């Protein structure tokens, strides 16, 4: 009888290999998730503008006018106060529109507008978008538009972000510069 119990408790070689494979997969998956969440992908653009920081801010903050000049952010509504949620509609280079509702992290007239948007719960695909305005000599400005992406889905989208979103940052920068300087 003890022989039967011992043989039932022993793991077969196939079962051991399956468990080792599942364990190795779980370790790799956990490592990937930690890497993807900790690793930041950044889209960075900037442009020098023949207008003061205040003039640049005026154009950036006049979101009612976005449909008339902005090729990227075709709509933006909601109160510009830290902690509030706004609704933005973006258009990528393929003409696809996406609506999202980020939370405002910074609203400093003439200096910075920054928010965080998430797809799903945090850690899947998070984007912290910012517009920073720096004064330059001669009453000019530098507009820096960038987004820092984190999350487990981000590594799978880097090519798409560079191909369809970054050119729209640049198009918006150009249109904003023209409007502020005009």
Protein backbone atom coordinates (compact mmCIF):
# COMPACT_ATOMS: atom_id res chain seq x y z
CA UNK A 1 0.00 0.00 0.00
CA UNK A 2 2.83 2.42 0.73
CA UNK A 3 4.18 1.77 -2.77
CA UNK A 4 0.92 3.01 -4.33
CA UNK A 5 0.83 6.21 -2.26
CA UNK A 6 4.47 6.98 -3.08
CA UNK A 7 3.94 6.53 -6.80
CA UNK A 8 0.83 8.77 -6.74
CA UNK A 9 2.78 11.55 -5.00
CA UNK A 10 5.67 11.44 -7.46
CA UNK A 11 5.53 13.94 -10.28
CA UNK A 12 5.92 12.55 -13.74
CA UNK A 13 8.71 13.95 -15.94
CA UNK A 14 6.09 15.48 -18.28
CA UNK A 15 4.31 17.20 -15.40
CA UNK A 16 7.62 18.58 -14.09
CA UNK A 17 8.47 20.00 -17.53
CA UNK A 18 5.04 21.58 -17.89
CA UNK A 19 5.26 23.18 -14.44
CA UNK A 20 8.80 24.41 -15.16
CA UNK A 21 7.62 25.88 -18.47
CA UNK A 22 4.64 27.62 -16.84
CA UNK A 23 6.91 28.94 -14.11
CA UNK A 24 9.47 30.24 -16.60
CA UNK A 25 6.70 31.90 -18.65
CA UNK A 26 5.29 33.56 -15.50
CA UNK A 27 8.74 34.91 -14.58
CA UNK A 28 9.30 36.24 -18.12
CA UNK A 29 5.84 37.82 -18.20
CA UNK A 30 6.35 39.47 -14.83
CA UNK A 31 9.76 40.76 -15.93
CA UNK A 32 8.30 42.17 -19.16
CA UNK A 33 5.49 43.92 -17.25
CA UNK A 34 7.94 45.51 -14.81
CA UNK A 35 10.17 46.63 -17.70
CA UNK A 36 7.29 48.01 -19.80
CA UNK A 37 5.76 49.92 -16.89
CA UNK A 38 9.12 51.34 -15.77
CA UNK A 39 10.39 52.15 -19.30
CA UNK A 40 9.29 55.48 -20.77
CA UNK A 41 8.83 56.13 -24.49
CA UNK A 42 9.00 59.86 -25.28
CA UNK A 43 7.72 61.76 -28.31
CA UNK A 44 9.42 65.17 -28.26
CA UNK A 45 8.95 68.12 -30.60
CA UNK A 46 9.79 71.79 -30.32
CA UNK A 47 9.54 74.95 -32.35
CA UNK A 48 10.73 78.53 -31.99
CA UNK A 49 7.92 81.07 -32.40
CA UNK A 50 8.03 84.78 -33.26
CA UNK A 51 5.63 85.60 -30.41
CA UNK A 52 5.86 86.09 -26.65
CA UNK A 53 5.05 83.28 -24.21
CA UNK A 54 1.83 85.11 -23.38
CA UNK A 55 0.79 85.20 -27.05
CA UNK A 56 1.60 81.50 -27.45
CA UNK A 57 -0.42 80.71 -24.32
CA UNK A 58 -3.37 82.73 -25.63
CA UNK A 59 -3.53 80.54 -28.75
CA UNK A 60 -2.99 77.32 -26.78
CA UNK A 61 -5.64 78.17 -24.18
CA UNK A 62 -8.27 79.35 -26.72
CA UNK A 63 -9.59 75.85 -27.25
CA UNK A 64 -12.87 77.07 -28.79
CA UNK A 65 -10.80 78.10 -31.83
CA UNK A 66 -9.05 74.70 -32.25
CA UNK A 67 -11.38 73.49 -35.03
CA UNK A 68 -10.37 76.49 -37.17
CA UNK A 69 -6.60 76.02 -37.06
CA UNK A 70 -5.49 72.89 -35.19
CA UNK A 71 -4.83 69.85 -37.43
CA UNK A 72 -4.11 67.52 -34.50
CA UNK A 73 -6.28 68.44 -31.53
CA UNK A 74 -9.52 69.20 -33.32
CA UNK A 75 -11.53 69.73 -30.12
CA UNK A 76 -10.80 70.37 -26.45
CA UNK A 77 -13.41 71.17 -23.81
CA UNK A 78 -13.54 71.48 -20.04
CA UNK A 79 -12.18 73.85 -17.44
CA UNK A 80 -8.41 74.45 -17.43
CA UNK A 81 -7.80 73.93 -13.72
CA UNK A 82 -5.43 71.48 -12.08
CA UNK A 83 -7.24 68.30 -11.08
CA UNK A 84 -10.11 68.70 -13.52
CA UNK A 85 -10.84 66.42 -16.44
CA UNK A 86 -11.02 67.76 -19.98
CA UNK A 87 -12.22 66.09 -23.17
CA UNK A 88 -9.91 66.11 -26.19
CA UNK A 89 -10.49 64.82 -29.69
CA UNK A 90 -7.28 64.01 -31.59
CA UNK A 91 -6.82 63.31 -35.28
CA UNK A 92 -3.90 61.14 -36.38
CA UNK A 93 -2.18 61.21 -39.80
CA UNK A 94 -4.65 58.59 -41.07
CA UNK A 95 -7.57 60.91 -40.25
CA UNK A 96 -8.76 58.69 -37.39
CA UNK A 97 -10.24 60.65 -34.51
CA UNK A 98 -9.88 59.53 -30.90
CA UNK A 99 -11.62 61.05 -27.89
CA UNK A 100 -10.11 60.83 -24.45
CA UNK A 101 -10.54 62.48 -21.08
CA UNK A 102 -7.23 63.27 -19.37
CA UNK A 103 -6.74 64.78 -15.93
CA UNK A 104 -4.95 68.14 -15.79
CA UNK A 105 -1.70 68.06 -13.81
CA UNK A 106 -0.38 71.59 -14.50
CA UNK A 107 -1.95 74.81 -15.78
CA UNK A 108 0.53 77.70 -15.65
CA UNK A 109 -0.43 80.49 -18.08
CA UNK A 110 2.48 81.42 -20.31
CA UNK A 111 4.52 78.44 -19.10
CA UNK A 112 2.94 74.98 -19.08
CA UNK A 113 -0.13 72.88 -19.78
CA UNK A 114 0.18 69.20 -18.80
CA UNK A 115 -2.18 66.25 -18.38
CA UNK A 116 -2.22 62.49 -17.91
CA UNK A 117 -4.42 60.21 -19.99
CA UNK A 118 -4.88 56.49 -19.46
CA UNK A 119 -6.28 53.70 -21.56
CA UNK A 120 -7.76 51.15 -19.21
CA UNK A 121 -6.62 51.24 -15.62
CA UNK A 122 -3.15 52.64 -14.91
CA UNK A 123 -0.17 50.71 -16.22
CA UNK A 124 -1.70 49.52 -19.51
CA UNK A 125 -1.11 52.61 -21.67
CA UNK A 126 -0.54 55.93 -19.90
CA UNK A 127 0.47 59.16 -21.61
CA UNK A 128 1.62 62.32 -19.86
CA UNK A 129 1.30 65.10 -22.44
CA UNK A 130 2.84 68.53 -21.96
CA UNK A 131 3.16 71.86 -23.66
CA UNK A 132 5.98 73.93 -22.20
CA UNK A 133 6.60 77.52 -23.28
CA UNK A 134 10.05 79.02 -22.76
CA UNK A 135 10.91 82.69 -23.31
CA UNK A 136 13.64 83.49 -25.83
CA UNK A 137 15.48 86.72 -26.57
CA UNK A 138 13.70 89.37 -28.59
CA UNK A 139 10.20 88.56 -27.31
CA UNK A 140 10.21 85.12 -28.95
CA UNK A 141 9.29 81.73 -27.48
CA UNK A 142 10.09 78.06 -27.71
CA UNK A 143 7.15 75.66 -27.59
CA UNK A 144 8.01 72.14 -26.47
CA UNK A 145 5.30 69.57 -27.01
CA UNK A 146 6.02 66.10 -25.74
CA UNK A 147 4.37 63.00 -24.42
CA UNK A 148 5.83 60.40 -22.11
CA UNK A 149 4.23 56.99 -22.57
CA UNK A 150 4.38 54.15 -20.03
CA UNK A 151 2.57 50.85 -19.73
CA UNK A 152 2.63 47.23 -20.79
CA UNK A 153 1.02 47.98 -24.19
CA UNK A 154 3.43 50.82 -25.12
CA UNK A 155 6.29 48.73 -26.57
CA UNK A 156 3.85 47.32 -29.13
CA UNK A 157 2.83 50.82 -30.31
CA UNK A 158 6.13 52.73 -30.62
CA UNK A 159 6.22 52.48 -34.42
CA UNK A 160 2.62 53.67 -34.71
CA UNK A 161 3.22 56.55 -32.29
CA UNK A 162 6.21 57.77 -34.32
CA UNK A 163 4.40 57.35 -37.64
CA UNK A 164 0.92 58.70 -36.89
CA UNK A 165 1.14 60.86 -33.75
CA UNK A 166 4.53 62.61 -33.76
CA UNK A 167 3.92 64.20 -37.20
CA UNK A 168 0.67 65.59 -35.80
CA UNK A 169 2.57 67.16 -32.88
CA UNK A 170 4.78 68.86 -35.48
CA UNK A 171 1.78 69.96 -37.57
CA UNK A 172 0.11 71.45 -34.50
CA UNK A 173 3.33 73.23 -33.51
CA UNK A 174 3.61 74.78 -36.99
CA UNK A 175 -0.05 75.86 -37.02
CA UNK A 176 0.19 77.30 -33.50
CA UNK A 177 3.37 79.20 -34.38
CA UNK A 178 1.72 80.68 -37.47
CA UNK A 179 -1.38 81.70 -35.52
CA UNK A 180 0.57 83.21 -32.57
CA UNK A 181 2.94 85.16 -34.83
CA UNK A 182 0.18 86.32 -37.20
